[in-house]
Amino acid sequence: MLIETDETNQFTFEPFAAHTFYTKVNRSLVRQALASFKTRSADRPLTIVDMACGTGAVTRLIAEEMKNQGRQARIIGVDPSAEALRRAQKGMAEIGERAEFVQGDTEDLPRLIHDADAAFFCNAIHLVAEKRAAFRLMASILAPKGIFACNSAFYNGAYVEGTERFYRLWTRRAIGWLRKEHPEVQVSRDGKTMAMQWISANEYVQMLKEGGFQQVDAVQEEAIMTVESYHDIGQYWLFIQGALPGVPLALGAAALGTTVYQVGEELHLTDIPRNWLQLVAYKA
């Protein structure tokens, strides 16, 4: 379970999730996953789960798509962070939609939900160590013919060809900044954090099938990310831990936030494309 602290609440995902490209890529996944419901009978409300919902960016997109389809849905957002759920509830109220928000982690799902029509786990699957077990668990809470959708920009294939230099230089410059400004701080060399242990699209598909899904649609969708958006992801505590393990969050944020603009100028970049892996799986 991810541990929420006062410190992590200062370095949230919310600014990054507010970028236009982020909304676009997640709306694409939501529409793809929920498209089949357009042809199903609307005589009963759907139950849709948004796992690791965070501050509700995807939850709001689900509500938007249900409204577009003219369908009623019970939408349940689940996240371990009480602060993120507070913000998610506020965001739903601001757009005039309703959802239930429950504090919990992945292993809590069978206790909270069963026979769901669809479940989402967006922009977080790369953080899960036991992915097969997570997929089996997601399948267990779905009704027959239920749909599971997840996505990630942290997998083998995420870097668009020709952009690798940007990432290498950003990391190098951030470490150089720390050595100059805070020589007492050391980046840990004790292996990669979970977020940096990437697997391929084919491995995700195979794991989903082993987890109980009969059919898996996998699409790589290119998102055009601005240098500003990279700055904002560099202020998120889980990204900081992955990029600069062992470094205090405030110093890591300062290092990544300062140097990303320097690297953008050095390479004459304002936009850096990145691939998003979009996965929609159908339960047998």
C-alpha atoms as a PDB file:
ATOM      1  CA  MET A   1       0.000   0.000   0.000  1.00  0.00           C
ATOM      2  CA  LEU A   2       1.251   3.495  -0.837  1.00  0.00           C
ATOM      3  CA  ILE A   3       1.871   5.456   2.331  1.00  0.00           C
ATOM      4  CA  GLU A   4       0.294   8.900   2.490  1.00  0.00           C
ATOM      5  CA  THR A   5       2.088  11.528   4.568  1.00  0.00           C
ATOM      6  CA  ASP A   6       1.933  15.294   4.999  1.00  0.00           C
ATOM      7  CA  GLU A   7       5.067  15.445   2.844  1.00  0.00           C
ATOM      8  CA  THR A   8       3.672  13.386  -0.047  1.00  0.00           C
ATOM      9  CA  ASN A   9       0.537  15.558   0.018  1.00  0.00           C
ATOM     10  CA  GLN A  10       2.767  18.495  -0.928  1.00  0.00           C
ATOM     11  CA  PHE A  11       3.959  16.707  -4.092  1.00  0.00           C
ATOM     12  CA  THR A  12       0.793  15.524  -5.801  1.00  0.00           C
ATOM     13  CA  PHE A  13      -0.177  14.210  -9.244  1.00  0.00           C
ATOM     14  CA  GLU A  14      -2.918  16.821  -9.649  1.00  0.00           C
ATOM     15  CA  PRO A  15      -0.987  19.538 -11.600  1.00  0.00           C
ATOM     16  CA  PHE A  16       0.232  16.934 -14.107  1.00  0.00           C
ATOM     17  CA  ALA A  17      -3.271  15.472 -14.512  1.00  0.00           C
ATOM     18  CA  ALA A  18      -4.597  18.937 -15.411  1.00  0.00           C
ATOM     19  CA  HIS A  19      -2.673  19.066 -18.709  1.00  0.00           C
ATOM     20  CA  THR A  20      -4.717  18.850 -21.912  1.00  0.00           C
ATOM     21  CA  PHE A  21      -2.820  15.864 -23.352  1.00  0.00           C
ATOM     22  CA  TYR A  22      -3.456  13.868 -20.147  1.00  0.00           C
ATOM     23  CA  THR A  23      -7.195  14.433 -20.418  1.00  0.00           C
ATOM     24  CA  LYS A  24      -7.104  13.534 -24.122  1.00  0.00           C
ATOM     25  CA  VAL A  25      -5.223  10.229 -23.720  1.00  0.00           C
ATOM     26  CA  ASN A  26      -7.374   9.075 -20.804  1.00  0.00           C
ATOM     27  CA  ARG A  27     -10.622  10.136 -22.474  1.00  0.00           C
ATOM     28  CA  SER A  28      -9.565   7.990 -25.437  1.00  0.00           C
ATOM     29  CA  LEU A  29      -9.177   4.954 -23.171  1.00  0.00           C
ATOM     30  CA  VAL A  30     -12.488   5.598 -21.373  1.00  0.00           C
ATOM     31  CA  ARG A  31     -14.371   5.869 -24.669  1.00  0.00           C
ATOM     32  CA  GLN A  32     -12.730   2.745 -26.068  1.00  0.00           C
ATOM     33  CA  ALA A  33     -13.510   0.724 -22.930  1.00  0.00           C
ATOM     34  CA  LEU A  34     -17.119   1.893 -22.600  1.00  0.00           C
ATOM     35  CA  ALA A  35     -18.012   1.874 -26.308  1.00  0.00           C
ATOM     36  CA  SER A  36     -19.705  -1.544 -26.165  1.00  0.00           C
ATOM     37  CA  PHE A  37     -22.232  -0.297 -23.606  1.00  0.00           C
ATOM     38  CA  LYS A  38     -23.811   1.890 -26.295  1.00  0.00           C
ATOM     39  CA  THR A  39     -25.403  -1.226 -27.807  1.00  0.00           C
ATOM     40  CA  ARG A  40     -26.457  -2.828 -24.515  1.00  0.00           C
ATOM     41  CA  SER A  41     -29.816  -2.433 -22.881  1.00  0.00           C
ATOM     42  CA  ALA A  42     -30.091   0.670 -20.721  1.00  0.00           C
ATOM     43  CA  ASP A  43     -32.703  -0.875 -18.422  1.00  0.00           C
ATOM     44  CA  ARG A  44     -30.346  -1.010 -15.451  1.00  0.00           C
ATOM     45  CA  PRO A  45     -27.591   1.275 -14.135  1.00  0.00           C
ATOM     46  CA  LEU A  46     -24.011   0.173 -14.715  1.00  0.00           C
ATOM     47  CA  THR A  47     -21.467  -0.238 -11.942  1.00  0.00           C
ATOM     48  CA  ILE A  48     -18.062   1.198 -12.843  1.00  0.00           C
ATOM     49  CA  VAL A  49     -14.995   1.203 -10.610  1.00  0.00           C
ATOM     50  CA  ASP A  50     -12.100   3.646 -10.899  1.00  0.00           C
ATOM     51  CA  MET A  51      -9.228   2.034  -9.006  1.00  0.00           C
ATOM     52  CA  ALA A  52      -6.341   4.261  -7.853  1.00  0.00           C
ATOM     53  CA  CYS A  53      -8.589   7.164  -8.817  1.00  0.00           C
ATOM     54  CA  GLY A  54      -6.359   9.776  -7.203  1.00  0.00           C
ATOM     55  CA  THR A  55      -7.897  13.218  -7.460  1.00  0.00           C
ATOM     56  CA  GLY A  56     -10.583  11.961  -9.845  1.00  0.00           C
ATOM     57  CA  ALA A  57      -9.358  13.037 -13.298  1.00  0.00           C
ATOM     58  CA  VAL A  58     -10.445   9.739 -14.883  1.00  0.00           C
ATOM     59  CA  THR A  59     -13.518   9.423 -12.643  1.00  0.00           C
ATOM     60  CA  ARG A  60     -14.808  12.653 -14.144  1.00  0.00           C
ATOM     61  CA  LEU A  61     -14.166  11.357 -17.672  1.00  0.00           C
ATOM     62  CA  ILE A  62     -16.166   8.195 -16.885  1.00  0.00           C
ATOM     63  CA  ALA A  63     -19.073  10.315 -15.628  1.00  0.00           C
ATOM     64  CA  GLU A  64     -18.819  12.474 -18.765  1.00  0.00           C
ATOM     65  CA  GLU A  65     -18.955   9.428 -21.067  1.00  0.00           C
ATOM     66  CA  MET A  66     -21.941   7.947 -19.229  1.00  0.00           C
ATOM     67  CA  LYS A  67     -23.733  11.263 -19.597  1.00  0.00           C
ATOM     68  CA  ASN A  68     -22.898  11.326 -23.321  1.00  0.00           C
ATOM     69  CA  GLN A  69     -24.358   7.820 -23.670  1.00  0.00           C
ATOM     70  CA  GLY A  70     -27.450   8.799 -21.694  1.00  0.00           C
ATOM     71  CA  ARG A  71     -26.847   5.969 -19.233  1.00  0.00           C
ATOM     72  CA  GLN A  72     -27.136   5.782 -15.469  1.00  0.00           C
ATOM     73  CA  ALA A  73     -24.090   4.469 -13.652  1.00  0.00           C
ATOM     74  CA  ARG A  74     -22.947   3.907 -10.118  1.00  0.00           C
ATOM     75  CA  ILE A  75     -19.353   5.154 -10.227  1.00  0.00           C
ATOM     76  CA  ILE A  76     -17.047   4.150  -7.389  1.00  0.00           C
ATOM     77  CA  GLY A  77     -13.590   5.690  -6.972  1.00  0.00           C
ATOM     78  CA  VAL A  78     -11.106   3.866  -4.744  1.00  0.00           C
ATOM     79  CA  ASP A  79      -7.754   5.251  -3.584  1.00  0.00           C
ATOM     80  CA  PRO A  80      -5.488   4.854  -0.532  1.00  0.00           C
ATOM     81  CA  SER A  81      -5.090   8.638  -0.106  1.00  0.00           C
ATOM     82  CA  ALA A  82      -7.719  10.460   1.939  1.00  0.00           C
ATOM     83  CA  GLU A  83      -6.461  13.809   0.647  1.00  0.00           C
ATOM     84  CA  ALA A  84      -6.739  12.695  -2.994  1.00  0.00           C
ATOM     85  CA  LEU A  85     -10.291  11.479  -2.384  1.00  0.00           C
ATOM     86  CA  ARG A  86     -11.238  14.793  -0.799  1.00  0.00           C
ATOM     87  CA  ARG A  87     -10.055  16.565  -3.948  1.00  0.00           C
ATOM     88  CA  ALA A  88     -11.804  14.010  -6.170  1.00  0.00           C
ATOM     89  CA  GLN A  89     -15.131  14.571  -4.388  1.00  0.00           C
ATOM     90  CA  LYS A  90     -14.713  18.328  -4.786  1.00  0.00           C
ATOM     91  CA  GLY A  91     -13.932  17.954  -8.498  1.00  0.00           C
ATOM     92  CA  MET A  92     -17.040  15.845  -9.131  1.00  0.00           C
ATOM     93  CA  ALA A  93     -19.221  18.356  -7.319  1.00  0.00           C
ATOM     94  CA  GLU A  94     -17.795  21.156  -9.463  1.00  0.00           C
ATOM     95  CA  ILE A  95     -18.966  19.457 -12.685  1.00  0.00           C
ATOM     96  CA  GLY A  96     -22.355  18.557 -11.195  1.00  0.00           C
ATOM     97  CA  GLU A  97     -21.810  14.780 -11.223  1.00  0.00           C
ATOM     98  CA  ARG A  98     -21.872  12.178  -8.465  1.00  0.00           C
ATOM     99  CA  ALA A  99     -19.604   9.317  -7.492  1.00  0.00           C
ATOM    100  CA  GLU A 100     -18.859   7.323  -4.383  1.00  0.00           C
ATOM    101  CA  PHE A 101     -15.297   7.596  -3.106  1.00  0.00           C
ATOM    102  CA  VAL A 102     -13.858   4.925  -0.837  1.00  0.00           C
ATOM    103  CA  GLN A 103     -10.476   4.874   0.870  1.00  0.00           C
ATOM    104  CA  GLY A 104      -8.780   1.552   0.195  1.00  0.00           C
ATOM    105  CA  ASP A 105      -6.126  -0.330  -1.730  1.00  0.00           C
ATOM    106  CA  THR A 106      -6.234  -2.989  -4.452  1.00  0.00           C
ATOM    107  CA  GLU A 107      -6.580  -5.903  -2.034  1.00  0.00           C
ATOM    108  CA  ASP A 108      -9.668  -4.242  -0.501  1.00  0.00           C
ATOM    109  CA  LEU A 109     -11.661  -4.448  -3.744  1.00  0.00           C
ATOM    110  CA  PRO A 110     -13.385  -7.846  -3.256  1.00  0.00           C
ATOM    111  CA  ARG A 111     -14.744  -6.592   0.062  1.00  0.00           C
ATOM    112  CA  LEU A 112     -16.010  -3.363  -1.496  1.00  0.00           C
ATOM    113  CA  ILE A 113     -17.264  -4.341  -4.956  1.00  0.00           C
ATOM    114  CA  HIS A 114     -18.596  -7.340  -6.889  1.00  0.00           C
ATOM    115  CA  ASP A 115     -20.249  -7.889 -10.272  1.00  0.00           C
ATOM    116  CA  ALA A 116     -18.977  -4.589 -11.674  1.00  0.00           C
ATOM    117  CA  ASP A 117     -19.596  -3.943 -15.363  1.00  0.00           C
ATOM    118  CA  ALA A 118     -16.293  -2.171 -15.881  1.00  0.00           C
ATOM    119  CA  ALA A 119     -13.169  -1.308 -13.925  1.00  0.00           C
ATOM    120  CA  PHE A 120     -10.399   1.176 -14.641  1.00  0.00           C
ATOM    121  CA  PHE A 121      -6.869   1.304 -13.250  1.00  0.00           C
ATOM    122  CA  CYS A 122      -5.295   4.248 -15.009  1.00  0.00           C
ATOM    123  CA  ASN A 123      -1.713   5.479 -14.994  1.00  0.00           C
ATOM    124  CA  ALA A 124      -0.706   3.289 -12.051  1.00  0.00           C
ATOM    125  CA  ILE A 125      -0.286  -0.355 -13.136  1.00  0.00           C
ATOM    126  CA  HIS A 126       3.486   0.160 -13.431  1.00  0.00           C
ATOM    127  CA  LEU A 127       3.554   0.746  -9.658  1.00  0.00           C
ATOM    128  CA  VAL A 128       2.180  -2.739  -8.918  1.00  0.00           C
ATOM    129  CA  ALA A 129       4.787  -5.418  -8.234  1.00  0.00           C
ATOM    130  CA  GLU A 130       2.525  -8.469  -8.657  1.00  0.00           C
ATOM    131  CA  LYS A 131       0.680  -7.572 -11.850  1.00  0.00           C
ATOM    132  CA  ARG A 132      -0.752 -11.059 -12.558  1.00  0.00           C
ATOM    133  CA  ALA A 133      -2.267 -11.162  -9.078  1.00  0.00           C
ATOM    134  CA  ALA A 134      -3.694  -7.675  -9.569  1.00  0.00           C
ATOM    135  CA  PHE A 135      -5.281  -8.691 -12.880  1.00  0.00           C
ATOM    136  CA  ARG A 136      -6.800 -11.817 -11.306  1.00  0.00           C
ATOM    137  CA  LEU A 137      -8.214  -9.654  -8.538  1.00  0.00           C
ATOM    138  CA  MET A 138      -9.677  -7.167 -11.025  1.00  0.00           C
ATOM    139  CA  ALA A 139     -11.279 -10.040 -12.953  1.00  0.00           C
ATOM    140  CA  SER A 140     -12.790 -11.362  -9.718  1.00  0.00           C
ATOM    141  CA  ILE A 141     -14.791  -8.181  -9.072  1.00  0.00           C
ATOM    142  CA  LEU A 142     -16.205  -8.048 -12.607  1.00  0.00           C
ATOM    143  CA  ALA A 143     -19.471  -9.550 -13.782  1.00  0.00           C
ATOM    144  CA  PRO A 144     -19.368 -12.015 -16.712  1.00  0.00           C
ATOM    145  CA  LYS A 145     -18.370 -10.105 -19.884  1.00  0.00           C
ATOM    146  CA  GLY A 146     -17.030  -7.327 -17.660  1.00  0.00           C
ATOM    147  CA  ILE A 147     -14.436  -4.928 -19.026  1.00  0.00           C
ATOM    148  CA  PHE A 148     -11.135  -3.910 -17.470  1.00  0.00           C
ATOM    149  CA  ALA A 149      -9.084  -0.983 -18.769  1.00  0.00           C
ATOM    150  CA  CYS A 150      -5.666   0.255 -17.736  1.00  0.00           C
ATOM    151  CA  ASN A 151      -2.890   2.335 -19.234  1.00  0.00           C
ATOM    152  CA  SER A 152       0.675   3.407 -18.598  1.00  0.00           C
ATOM    153  CA  ALA A 153       3.403   5.627 -19.989  1.00  0.00           C
ATOM    154  CA  PHE A 154       6.045   3.634 -18.065  1.00  0.00           C
ATOM    155  CA  TYR A 155       6.676   0.502 -20.137  1.00  0.00           C
ATOM    156  CA  ASN A 156       9.164  -0.753 -22.722  1.00  0.00           C
ATOM    157  CA  GLY A 157       8.079   1.266 -25.714  1.00  0.00           C
ATOM    158  CA  ALA A 158       7.088   4.481 -23.926  1.00  0.00           C
ATOM    159  CA  TYR A 159       9.986   6.489 -25.332  1.00  0.00           C
ATOM    160  CA  VAL A 160       9.311   7.687 -28.866  1.00  0.00           C
ATOM    161  CA  GLU A 161      12.337   7.068 -31.068  1.00  0.00           C
ATOM    162  CA  GLY A 162      14.737   9.991 -30.893  1.00  0.00           C
ATOM    163  CA  THR A 163      13.605  11.253 -27.467  1.00  0.00           C
ATOM    164  CA  GLU A 164      15.860   9.045 -25.321  1.00  0.00           C
ATOM    165  CA  ARG A 165      18.489  11.779 -25.087  1.00  0.00           C
ATOM    166  CA  PHE A 166      16.032  14.093 -23.340  1.00  0.00           C
ATOM    167  CA  TYR A 167      15.435  11.601 -20.503  1.00  0.00           C
ATOM    168  CA  ARG A 168      19.107  10.705 -20.081  1.00  0.00           C
ATOM    169  CA  LEU A 169      20.170  14.337 -20.018  1.00  0.00           C
ATOM    170  CA  TRP A 170      17.394  15.348 -17.621  1.00  0.00           C
ATOM    171  CA  THR A 171      18.452  12.687 -15.110  1.00  0.00           C
ATOM    172  CA  ARG A 172      22.132  13.580 -15.533  1.00  0.00           C
ATOM    173  CA  ARG A 173      21.495  17.297 -15.073  1.00  0.00           C
ATOM    174  CA  ALA A 174      19.294  16.695 -12.011  1.00  0.00           C
ATOM    175  CA  ILE A 175      21.983  14.584 -10.342  1.00  0.00           C
ATOM    176  CA  GLY A 176      24.579  17.229 -11.268  1.00  0.00           C
ATOM    177  CA  TRP A 177      22.415  19.937  -9.713  1.00  0.00           C
ATOM    178  CA  LEU A 178      22.157  17.955  -6.488  1.00  0.00           C
ATOM    179  CA  ARG A 179      25.916  17.385  -6.339  1.00  0.00           C
ATOM    180  CA  LYS A 180      26.537  21.088  -6.752  1.00  0.00           C
ATOM    181  CA  GLU A 181      23.784  22.476  -4.537  1.00  0.00           C
ATOM    182  CA  HIS A 182      23.498  19.681  -1.963  1.00  0.00           C
ATOM    183  CA  PRO A 183      26.655  17.544  -1.994  1.00  0.00           C
ATOM    184  CA  GLU A 184      25.531  15.859   1.225  1.00  0.00           C
ATOM    185  CA  VAL A 185      22.653  14.147  -0.640  1.00  0.00           C
ATOM    186  CA  GLN A 186      23.288  10.832  -2.380  1.00  0.00           C
ATOM    187  CA  VAL A 187      21.100   9.104  -4.964  1.00  0.00           C
ATOM    188  CA  SER A 188      20.507   5.483  -3.913  1.00  0.00           C
ATOM    189  CA  ARG A 189      22.055   2.829  -6.132  1.00  0.00           C
ATOM    190  CA  ASP A 190      20.198  -0.076  -4.489  1.00  0.00           C
ATOM    191  CA  GLY A 191      18.188  -1.142  -7.526  1.00  0.00           C
ATOM    192  CA  LYS A 192      15.269   0.447  -9.315  1.00  0.00           C
ATOM    193  CA  THR A 193      12.015   1.423  -7.684  1.00  0.00           C
ATOM    194  CA  MET A 194       8.927  -0.461  -8.869  1.00  0.00           C
ATOM    195  CA  ALA A 195       7.939   2.393 -11.180  1.00  0.00           C
ATOM    196  CA  MET A 196      11.189   1.984 -13.127  1.00  0.00           C
ATOM    197  CA  GLN A 197      10.933  -1.793 -13.610  1.00  0.00           C
ATOM    198  CA  TRP A 198       9.280  -1.695 -17.021  1.00  0.00           C
ATOM    199  CA  ILE A 199       7.796  -4.531 -19.083  1.00  0.00           C
ATOM    200  CA  SER A 200       6.601  -4.689 -22.688  1.00  0.00           C
ATOM    201  CA  ALA A 201       3.120  -4.374 -24.190  1.00  0.00           C
ATOM    202  CA  ASN A 202       3.172  -8.088 -25.095  1.00  0.00           C
ATOM    203  CA  GLU A 203       4.006  -9.007 -21.499  1.00  0.00           C
ATOM    204  CA  TYR A 204       1.041  -6.961 -20.270  1.00  0.00           C
ATOM    205  CA  VAL A 205      -1.282  -8.715 -22.724  1.00  0.00           C
ATOM    206  CA  GLN A 206      -0.023 -12.152 -21.680  1.00  0.00           C
ATOM    207  CA  MET A 207      -0.425 -11.362 -17.985  1.00  0.00           C
ATOM    208  CA  LEU A 208      -3.978 -10.130 -18.534  1.00  0.00           C
ATOM    209  CA  LYS A 209      -4.884 -13.366 -20.314  1.00  0.00           C
ATOM    210  CA  GLU A 210      -3.307 -15.391 -17.521  1.00  0.00           C
ATOM    211  CA  GLY A 211      -5.302 -13.258 -15.074  1.00  0.00           C
ATOM    212  CA  GLY A 212      -8.675 -14.306 -16.468  1.00  0.00           C
ATOM    213  CA  PHE A 213      -9.340 -12.121 -19.510  1.00  0.00           C
ATOM    214  CA  GLN A 214     -10.264 -13.769 -22.789  1.00  0.00           C
ATOM    215  CA  GLN A 215      -9.557 -10.909 -25.183  1.00  0.00           C
ATOM    216  CA  VAL A 216      -7.145  -7.982 -24.790  1.00  0.00           C
ATOM    217  CA  ASP A 217      -6.974  -4.973 -27.101  1.00  0.00           C
ATOM    218  CA  ALA A 218      -3.626  -3.151 -26.869  1.00  0.00           C
ATOM    219  CA  VAL A 219      -2.988   0.193 -28.531  1.00  0.00           C
ATOM    220  CA  GLN A 220      -0.022   2.540 -28.273  1.00  0.00           C
ATOM    221  CA  GLU A 221      -1.197   6.136 -28.424  1.00  0.00           C
ATOM    222  CA  GLU A 222       1.240   8.999 -28.830  1.00  0.00           C
ATOM    223  CA  ALA A 223       0.786  11.989 -26.531  1.00  0.00           C
ATOM    224  CA  ILE A 224       2.504  15.311 -27.129  1.00  0.00           C
ATOM    225  CA  MET A 225       3.833  16.375 -23.742  1.00  0.00           C
ATOM    226  CA  THR A 226       5.162  19.867 -23.094  1.00  0.00           C
ATOM    227  CA  VAL A 227       8.268  20.681 -21.075  1.00  0.00           C
ATOM    228  CA  GLU A 228       5.876  22.235 -18.545  1.00  0.00           C
ATOM    229  CA  SER A 229       4.094  18.891 -18.141  1.00  0.00           C
ATOM    230  CA  TYR A 230       7.428  17.164 -17.515  1.00  0.00           C
ATOM    231  CA  HIS A 231       8.120  19.800 -14.881  1.00  0.00           C
ATOM    232  CA  ASP A 232       4.819  18.942 -13.211  1.00  0.00           C
ATOM    233  CA  ILE A 233       5.371  15.160 -13.235  1.00  0.00           C
ATOM    234  CA  GLY A 234       8.797  15.923 -11.745  1.00  0.00           C
ATOM    235  CA  GLN A 235       6.995  17.430  -8.747  1.00  0.00           C
ATOM    236  CA  TYR A 236       5.027  14.221  -8.040  1.00  0.00           C
ATOM    237  CA  TRP A 237       6.422  12.223  -5.139  1.00  0.00           C
ATOM    238  CA  LEU A 238       6.277   8.805  -6.786  1.00  0.00           C
ATOM    239  CA  PHE A 239       8.043  10.103  -9.894  1.00  0.00           C
ATOM    240  CA  ILE A 240      10.709  11.752  -7.741  1.00  0.00           C
ATOM    241  CA  GLN A 241      11.295   8.467  -5.918  1.00  0.00           C
ATOM    242  CA  GLY A 242      11.647   6.658  -9.243  1.00  0.00           C
ATOM    243  CA  ALA A 243      13.954   9.198 -10.890  1.00  0.00           C
ATOM    244  CA  LEU A 244      16.058  10.079  -7.861  1.00  0.00           C
ATOM    245  CA  PRO A 245      15.701   7.247  -5.319  1.00  0.00           C
ATOM    246  CA  GLY A 246      16.801   8.063  -1.801  1.00  0.00           C
ATOM    247  CA  VAL A 247      16.706  11.848  -2.337  1.00  0.00           C
ATOM    248  CA  PRO A 248      14.421  13.912  -0.040  1.00  0.00           C
ATOM    249  CA  LEU A 249      11.287  14.867  -1.951  1.00  0.00           C
ATOM    250  CA  ALA A 250      11.750  18.630  -1.690  1.00  0.00           C
ATOM    251  CA  LEU A 251      15.296  18.468  -3.029  1.00  0.00           C
ATOM    252  CA  GLY A 252      14.354  15.977  -5.745  1.00  0.00           C
ATOM    253  CA  ALA A 253      11.507  18.232  -6.873  1.00  0.00           C
ATOM    254  CA  ALA A 254      13.838  21.222  -6.967  1.00  0.00           C
ATOM    255  CA  ALA A 255      16.465  19.305  -8.959  1.00  0.00           C
ATOM    256  CA  LEU A 256      14.005  17.929 -11.517  1.00  0.00           C
ATOM    257  CA  GLY A 257      12.010  21.144 -11.751  1.00  0.00           C
ATOM    258  CA  THR A 258      15.044  23.350 -12.333  1.00  0.00           C
ATOM    259  CA  THR A 259      16.891  21.164 -14.795  1.00  0.00           C
ATOM    260  CA  VAL A 260      13.983  20.139 -17.051  1.00  0.00           C
ATOM    261  CA  TYR A 261      13.790  23.680 -18.410  1.00  0.00           C
ATOM    262  CA  GLN A 262      17.561  23.799 -18.859  1.00  0.00           C
ATOM    263  CA  VAL A 263      17.474  20.548 -20.844  1.00  0.00           C
ATOM    264  CA  GLY A 264      14.541  21.782 -22.938  1.00  0.00           C
ATOM    265  CA  GLU A 265      16.516  24.898 -23.884  1.00  0.00           C
ATOM    266  CA  GLU A 266      19.703  22.931 -24.483  1.00  0.00           C
ATOM    267  CA  LEU A 267      17.967  20.523 -26.883  1.00  0.00           C
ATOM    268  CA  HIS A 268      15.696  23.253 -28.359  1.00  0.00           C
ATOM    269  CA  LEU A 269      12.572  21.361 -27.311  1.00  0.00           C
ATOM    270  CA  THR A 270       9.172  22.642 -26.242  1.00  0.00           C
ATOM    271  CA  ASP A 271       7.289  19.353 -26.824  1.00  0.00           C
ATOM    272  CA  ILE A 272       8.430  15.766 -26.230  1.00  0.00           C
ATOM    273  CA  PRO A 273       6.155  12.994 -27.595  1.00  0.00           C
ATOM    274  CA  ARG A 274       5.630   9.915 -25.435  1.00  0.00           C
ATOM    275  CA  ASN A 275       3.737   6.689 -26.033  1.00  0.00           C
ATOM    276  CA  TRP A 276       0.867   5.617 -23.796  1.00  0.00           C
ATOM    277  CA  LEU A 277      -0.040   1.930 -23.662  1.00  0.00           C
ATOM    278  CA  GLN A 278      -3.843   1.608 -23.684  1.00  0.00           C
ATOM    279  CA  LEU A 279      -5.169  -1.808 -22.641  1.00  0.00           C
ATOM    280  CA  VAL A 280      -8.805  -2.953 -22.698  1.00  0.00           C
ATOM    281  CA  ALA A 281      -9.467  -6.509 -21.523  1.00  0.00           C
ATOM    282  CA  TYR A 282     -12.706  -8.489 -21.702  1.00  0.00           C
ATOM    283  CA  LYS A 283     -13.625 -11.118 -19.137  1.00  0.00           C
ATOM    284  CA  ALA A 284     -14.741 -14.482 -20.487  1.00  0.00           C
END
